[in-house]
């Protein structure tokens, strides 16, 4: 038996779990409280790991613990090990009962306002025991930490880092929209220049270089309208739009699948689509659960009407 296999046989899942908890909590005492065991037990477990591997994993101080380079390497692989175990359990449960299970999804705010709930609605009708947990904030980071199985969002760059894969779905079209009571909705012909002085609600991603609204105004030699409200809060946006004065930009997927299709009206103003597509982002070499694959198949089906052509899976291209 080689030395590596000897080390593996001496490592215990319990010791690895304690090590991960100490790192998560920042010190031994908090980890002991979290695990409902004594501090000496936690300390002994960490010491056993360090003796087994022959390296220091944590630097201790009165302020807490910090990972060494060896500790960071062990933590990264330990997260993968426990994630694969969880995925195995989920797969077994799914095989035993395909109508039940839990799926953790990451999504952008706009995907969570249209495409994602439409799919959840379909799947939950035929599988009422499924449970879905949605993460909106820092979705890509949550994916790297394996807190979600995949993320549905618009790509922000043509290049992904080496950990991620992306499957493009469609290029999102956007529309100028307003409340049905807005004065511009009643007009058959509207020019972009007519709307420069109107009050707008725009999210930060929509006013960056290369965004459809910026390109549309630039193509006509117009300056961007002054944004009255700058933010990504959909409740705030919808509340202000209901007043009847404001204009905004709404993605086509939200108008097709979300509640906005009954709340808003679009204006006859042509805008280009986003240059970068909406995509399913996954971790390379990570096994997805059967429920994740089932959801992704539904995503592809729902995305077909929004896509002008088929897309192929892509990773980091350098």
Protein backbone atom coordinates (compact mmCIF):
# COMPACT_ATOMS: atom_id res chain seq x y z
CA UNK A 1 0.00 0.00 0.00
CA UNK A 2 1.49 3.38 -0.99
CA UNK A 3 1.82 6.31 1.41
CA UNK A 4 -1.15 8.20 -0.06
CA UNK A 5 -3.53 5.30 0.56
CA UNK A 6 -2.24 4.97 4.11
CA UNK A 7 -3.07 8.61 4.75
CA UNK A 8 -6.54 8.21 3.26
CA UNK A 9 -7.29 5.20 5.46
CA UNK A 10 -6.29 7.18 8.57
CA UNK A 11 -8.43 10.20 7.68
CA UNK A 12 -11.94 10.15 9.08
CA UNK A 13 -15.00 11.92 7.74
CA UNK A 14 -15.70 13.13 11.28
CA UNK A 15 -12.30 14.85 11.51
CA UNK A 16 -12.82 16.50 8.12
CA UNK A 17 -16.26 17.73 9.15
CA UNK A 18 -14.83 19.23 12.34
CA UNK A 19 -12.03 20.89 10.37
CA UNK A 20 -14.55 22.45 7.95
CA UNK A 21 -16.70 23.67 10.85
CA UNK A 22 -13.71 25.28 12.60
CA UNK A 23 -12.87 27.14 9.39
CA UNK A 24 -16.49 28.19 8.94
CA UNK A 25 -16.85 29.44 12.54
CA UNK A 26 -13.42 31.03 12.78
CA UNK A 27 -12.35 29.48 16.08
CA UNK A 28 -12.44 26.23 18.02
CA UNK A 29 -14.89 27.33 20.72
CA UNK A 30 -17.58 28.40 18.25
CA UNK A 31 -17.08 25.22 16.26
CA UNK A 32 -17.52 23.15 19.43
CA UNK A 33 -20.76 24.98 20.21
CA UNK A 34 -22.00 24.48 16.66
CA UNK A 35 -21.23 20.75 16.82
CA UNK A 36 -22.55 20.37 20.40
CA UNK A 37 -19.27 18.86 21.63
CA UNK A 38 -16.48 20.07 23.90
CA UNK A 39 -13.66 22.29 22.72
CA UNK A 40 -10.93 19.73 23.65
CA UNK A 41 -12.60 17.18 21.35
CA UNK A 42 -12.45 19.62 18.45
CA UNK A 43 -8.82 20.50 19.24
CA UNK A 44 -7.86 16.83 19.42
CA UNK A 45 -9.54 16.17 16.07
CA UNK A 46 -7.64 18.99 14.32
CA UNK A 47 -4.37 17.85 15.89
CA UNK A 48 -5.03 14.31 14.66
CA UNK A 49 -5.54 15.59 11.13
CA UNK A 50 -2.32 17.58 11.27
CA UNK A 51 -0.32 14.64 12.61
CA UNK A 52 -1.77 12.34 9.96
CA UNK A 53 -0.88 14.69 7.13
CA UNK A 54 2.37 15.89 8.68
CA UNK A 55 1.60 19.59 8.09
CA UNK A 56 0.02 22.48 9.98
CA UNK A 57 -3.48 23.18 8.69
CA UNK A 58 -4.43 26.12 10.91
CA UNK A 59 -2.55 29.00 12.48
CA UNK A 60 -4.02 29.62 15.96
CA UNK A 61 -4.14 33.01 17.67
CA UNK A 62 -6.26 34.65 20.40
CA UNK A 63 -8.33 36.19 17.61
CA UNK A 64 -9.15 32.82 16.06
CA UNK A 65 -7.74 30.56 13.35
CA UNK A 66 -6.43 31.15 9.84
CA UNK A 67 -5.90 28.59 7.12
CA UNK A 68 -2.38 27.78 6.04
CA UNK A 69 -1.66 26.93 2.40
CA UNK A 70 -2.01 23.24 3.39
CA UNK A 71 -5.32 23.99 5.12
CA UNK A 72 -6.69 25.77 2.06
CA UNK A 73 -5.83 22.78 -0.12
CA UNK A 74 -7.54 20.36 2.26
CA UNK A 75 -10.60 22.59 2.63
CA UNK A 76 -11.09 22.87 -1.13
CA UNK A 77 -11.04 19.11 -1.64
CA UNK A 78 -13.08 18.40 1.49
CA UNK A 79 -15.89 20.60 0.17
CA UNK A 80 -15.86 18.55 -3.04
CA UNK A 81 -15.91 15.24 -1.14
CA UNK A 82 -18.90 16.19 1.00
CA UNK A 83 -20.70 17.70 -1.96
CA UNK A 84 -20.34 14.45 -3.92
CA UNK A 85 -21.66 12.53 -0.91
CA UNK A 86 -24.69 14.81 -0.72
CA UNK A 87 -25.26 14.42 -4.44
CA UNK A 88 -25.10 10.63 -4.06
CA UNK A 89 -27.72 10.69 -1.33
CA UNK A 90 -29.94 12.97 -3.43
CA UNK A 91 -29.60 10.68 -6.41
CA UNK A 92 -30.53 7.62 -4.34
CA UNK A 93 -33.57 9.44 -2.94
CA UNK A 94 -34.59 10.56 -6.42
CA UNK A 95 -34.28 7.03 -7.80
CA UNK A 96 -36.36 5.74 -4.91
CA UNK A 97 -39.00 8.45 -5.40
CA UNK A 98 -38.65 10.63 -8.54
CA UNK A 99 -41.53 12.83 -7.38
CA UNK A 100 -39.66 14.12 -4.29
CA UNK A 101 -36.39 15.87 -3.53
CA UNK A 102 -34.70 19.23 -3.03
CA UNK A 103 -33.01 21.39 -5.66
CA UNK A 104 -30.90 24.48 -4.98
CA UNK A 105 -30.85 26.95 -7.86
CA UNK A 106 -28.96 30.19 -8.42
CA UNK A 107 -30.44 32.85 -10.69
CA UNK A 108 -30.30 36.51 -11.59
CA UNK A 109 -33.14 38.72 -10.44
CA UNK A 110 -34.71 38.81 -13.90
CA UNK A 111 -34.48 35.06 -14.46
CA UNK A 112 -36.17 34.66 -11.08
CA UNK A 113 -38.96 36.96 -12.27
CA UNK A 114 -39.92 34.95 -15.34
CA UNK A 115 -38.23 31.82 -16.65
CA UNK A 116 -37.38 30.09 -13.36
CA UNK A 117 -40.83 30.37 -11.70
CA UNK A 118 -42.48 29.19 -14.91
CA UNK A 119 -40.43 25.98 -14.77
CA UNK A 120 -40.97 25.52 -11.04
CA UNK A 121 -44.72 25.87 -11.62
CA UNK A 122 -44.68 23.15 -14.27
CA UNK A 123 -42.56 20.69 -12.30
CA UNK A 124 -44.40 21.23 -9.01
CA UNK A 125 -47.73 20.48 -10.67
CA UNK A 126 -46.65 16.96 -11.61
CA UNK A 127 -44.27 16.47 -8.65
CA UNK A 128 -45.85 18.22 -5.64
CA UNK A 129 -43.26 16.87 -3.19
CA UNK A 130 -40.32 18.59 -4.88
CA UNK A 131 -38.74 21.47 -2.98
CA UNK A 132 -36.88 24.32 -4.67
CA UNK A 133 -34.50 26.73 -2.96
CA UNK A 134 -33.50 29.83 -4.91
CA UNK A 135 -30.40 31.97 -4.34
CA UNK A 136 -30.27 35.41 -5.97
CA UNK A 137 -27.40 37.22 -4.24
CA UNK A 138 -23.86 36.27 -5.33
CA UNK A 139 -25.24 33.33 -7.31
CA UNK A 140 -21.94 32.52 -9.07
CA UNK A 141 -20.05 32.59 -5.79
CA UNK A 142 -22.68 30.30 -4.26
CA UNK A 143 -22.11 27.96 -7.20
CA UNK A 144 -18.35 27.90 -6.54
CA UNK A 145 -19.08 27.10 -2.90
CA UNK A 146 -21.41 24.30 -4.09
CA UNK A 147 -24.40 25.83 -2.33
CA UNK A 148 -26.36 25.66 -5.61
CA UNK A 149 -26.16 23.12 -8.43
CA UNK A 150 -26.33 25.56 -11.32
CA UNK A 151 -27.02 29.21 -12.10
CA UNK A 152 -29.27 30.71 -14.77
CA UNK A 153 -28.18 34.23 -15.66
CA UNK A 154 -27.01 36.44 -18.48
CA UNK A 155 -23.29 36.14 -19.08
CA UNK A 156 -21.32 39.25 -18.16
CA UNK A 157 -18.21 38.23 -20.09
CA UNK A 158 -17.37 36.05 -23.08
CA UNK A 159 -14.67 34.33 -21.03
CA UNK A 160 -15.36 32.18 -17.98
CA UNK A 161 -12.79 31.20 -15.41
CA UNK A 162 -11.41 27.67 -15.46
CA UNK A 163 -13.89 26.32 -12.90
CA UNK A 164 -17.05 27.07 -14.85
CA UNK A 165 -18.94 25.81 -17.89
CA UNK A 166 -21.71 27.70 -19.67
CA UNK A 167 -24.48 26.49 -21.95
CA UNK A 168 -25.89 29.51 -23.85
CA UNK A 169 -29.66 29.51 -24.19
CA UNK A 170 -30.77 32.70 -25.93
CA UNK A 171 -29.90 36.36 -26.41
CA UNK A 172 -32.31 38.34 -24.29
CA UNK A 173 -34.37 40.95 -26.10
CA UNK A 174 -35.46 43.99 -24.12
CA UNK A 175 -38.46 46.31 -24.44
CA UNK A 176 -39.46 49.75 -23.25
CA UNK A 177 -42.41 49.20 -20.95
CA UNK A 178 -44.79 51.21 -18.80
CA UNK A 179 -48.03 50.97 -16.86
CA UNK A 180 -51.21 50.70 -19.00
CA UNK A 181 -52.11 54.16 -17.69
CA UNK A 182 -48.92 55.77 -19.02
CA UNK A 183 -49.61 58.40 -21.70
CA UNK A 184 -47.12 56.86 -24.17
CA UNK A 185 -48.90 53.50 -24.20
CA UNK A 186 -51.87 55.06 -25.96
CA UNK A 187 -49.78 56.35 -28.86
CA UNK A 188 -49.36 54.26 -32.00
CA UNK A 189 -46.02 55.78 -32.95
CA UNK A 190 -43.28 56.54 -30.45
CA UNK A 191 -39.73 57.59 -31.22
CA UNK A 192 -36.85 57.08 -28.82
CA UNK A 193 -36.13 60.82 -28.87
CA UNK A 194 -39.64 61.43 -27.53
CA UNK A 195 -38.70 59.63 -24.31
CA UNK A 196 -35.44 61.38 -23.41
CA UNK A 197 -37.04 63.72 -20.87
CA UNK A 198 -39.37 61.14 -19.33
CA UNK A 199 -38.73 59.69 -15.85
CA UNK A 200 -36.94 56.33 -16.16
CA UNK A 201 -36.36 53.43 -13.79
CA UNK A 202 -33.20 51.56 -14.78
CA UNK A 203 -31.05 48.94 -13.11
CA UNK A 204 -27.26 49.46 -13.08
CA UNK A 205 -26.57 46.61 -15.59
CA UNK A 206 -28.80 48.35 -18.12
CA UNK A 207 -26.80 51.57 -18.30
CA UNK A 208 -23.32 50.10 -18.72
CA UNK A 209 -21.36 50.28 -21.97
CA UNK A 210 -22.78 47.87 -24.53
CA UNK A 211 -26.23 47.53 -22.99
CA UNK A 212 -29.21 47.64 -25.40
CA UNK A 213 -30.59 50.93 -24.07
CA UNK A 214 -27.19 52.65 -24.28
CA UNK A 215 -26.63 51.35 -27.82
CA UNK A 216 -30.11 52.42 -28.94
CA UNK A 217 -29.72 56.01 -27.73
CA UNK A 218 -26.16 56.21 -29.09
CA UNK A 219 -27.25 54.94 -32.52
CA UNK A 220 -29.64 57.89 -32.78
CA UNK A 221 -27.08 60.40 -31.52
CA UNK A 222 -29.03 60.92 -28.32
CA UNK A 223 -27.74 61.30 -24.80
CA UNK A 224 -28.98 58.82 -22.23
CA UNK A 225 -32.03 60.06 -20.33
CA UNK A 226 -31.49 61.04 -16.75
CA UNK A 227 -32.43 58.09 -14.58
CA UNK A 228 -34.91 59.08 -11.89
CA UNK A 229 -34.60 55.77 -10.03
CA UNK A 230 -31.50 53.60 -10.23
CA UNK A 231 -31.89 50.13 -8.72
CA UNK A 232 -32.65 46.46 -9.30
CA UNK A 233 -35.56 46.06 -6.88
CA UNK A 234 -38.47 44.66 -8.87
CA UNK A 235 -41.08 45.52 -6.19
CA UNK A 236 -39.86 49.14 -6.17
CA UNK A 237 -39.91 49.28 -9.95
CA UNK A 238 -43.40 47.80 -10.27
CA UNK A 239 -44.72 50.05 -7.52
CA UNK A 240 -43.46 53.18 -9.25
CA UNK A 241 -44.63 52.03 -12.68
CA UNK A 242 -48.14 51.64 -11.27
CA UNK A 243 -48.18 55.40 -10.69
CA UNK A 244 -48.31 55.79 -14.47
CA UNK A 245 -45.44 58.26 -15.03
CA UNK A 246 -42.35 56.06 -15.29
CA UNK A 247 -40.73 54.11 -18.11
CA UNK A 248 -38.43 51.13 -17.77
CA UNK A 249 -36.69 48.36 -19.69
CA UNK A 250 -38.03 44.80 -19.30
CA UNK A 251 -36.45 41.59 -20.65
CA UNK A 252 -38.51 39.60 -23.12
CA UNK A 253 -38.32 36.46 -20.99
CA UNK A 254 -39.95 38.32 -18.08
CA UNK A 255 -42.72 39.61 -20.35
CA UNK A 256 -43.30 36.10 -21.70
CA UNK A 257 -43.26 34.12 -18.45
CA UNK A 258 -43.55 36.59 -15.55
CA UNK A 259 -46.35 38.53 -13.91
CA UNK A 260 -45.26 41.63 -15.87
CA UNK A 261 -47.02 40.30 -18.97
CA UNK A 262 -50.31 41.30 -17.37
CA UNK A 263 -49.08 44.36 -15.46
CA UNK A 264 -47.15 46.25 -18.16
CA UNK A 265 -47.50 47.39 -21.74
CA UNK A 266 -44.64 47.69 -24.19
CA UNK A 267 -44.00 50.73 -26.35
CA UNK A 268 -43.32 50.41 -30.11
CA UNK A 269 -39.64 51.32 -29.77
CA UNK A 270 -36.99 49.03 -31.27
CA UNK A 271 -34.06 48.07 -29.05
CA UNK A 272 -31.22 45.64 -29.80
CA UNK A 273 -30.81 42.38 -27.88
CA UNK A 274 -28.07 41.83 -25.32
CA UNK A 275 -24.83 40.78 -27.05
CA UNK A 276 -24.05 38.14 -24.41
CA UNK A 277 -26.57 35.32 -23.93
CA UNK A 278 -28.52 34.00 -20.99
CA UNK A 279 -26.84 30.72 -20.01
CA UNK A 280 -26.88 27.79 -17.64
CA UNK A 281 -23.64 27.96 -15.65
CA UNK A 282 -22.28 24.87 -13.91
CA UNK A 283 -19.09 23.76 -12.20
CA UNK A 284 -16.75 21.68 -14.32
CA UNK A 285 -16.43 18.02 -13.33
CA UNK A 286 -19.30 18.26 -10.85
CA UNK A 287 -21.97 15.58 -11.05
CA UNK A 288 -25.43 17.10 -11.19
CA UNK A 289 -28.31 15.42 -9.40
CA UNK A 290 -31.12 13.82 -11.44
CA UNK A 291 -33.45 16.61 -10.28
CA UNK A 292 -31.00 19.25 -11.53
CA UNK A 293 -30.84 17.51 -14.91
CA UNK A 294 -34.64 17.33 -15.02
CA UNK A 295 -34.87 21.07 -14.32
CA UNK A 296 -32.22 21.91 -16.92
CA UNK A 297 -34.10 19.91 -19.57
CA UNK A 298 -37.14 22.06 -18.82
CA UNK A 299 -35.01 25.22 -19.07
CA UNK A 300 -33.90 24.20 -22.56
CA UNK A 301 -37.48 23.56 -23.63
CA UNK A 302 -38.77 26.87 -22.27
CA UNK A 303 -35.85 28.74 -23.85
CA UNK A 304 -36.51 27.47 -27.39
CA UNK A 305 -39.11 30.13 -28.30
CA UNK A 306 -36.67 32.82 -27.13
CA UNK A 307 -33.72 31.50 -29.13
CA UNK A 308 -33.25 32.10 -32.81
CA UNK A 309 -30.85 29.16 -33.21
CA UNK A 310 -29.39 26.25 -31.29
CA UNK A 311 -26.45 26.85 -28.98
CA UNK A 312 -23.68 24.47 -27.96
CA UNK A 313 -22.20 23.96 -24.55
CA UNK A 314 -19.04 25.96 -23.92
CA UNK A 315 -16.45 26.33 -21.22
CA UNK A 316 -13.49 28.58 -20.72
CA UNK A 317 -12.03 29.34 -24.14
CA UNK A 318 -8.54 30.83 -24.11
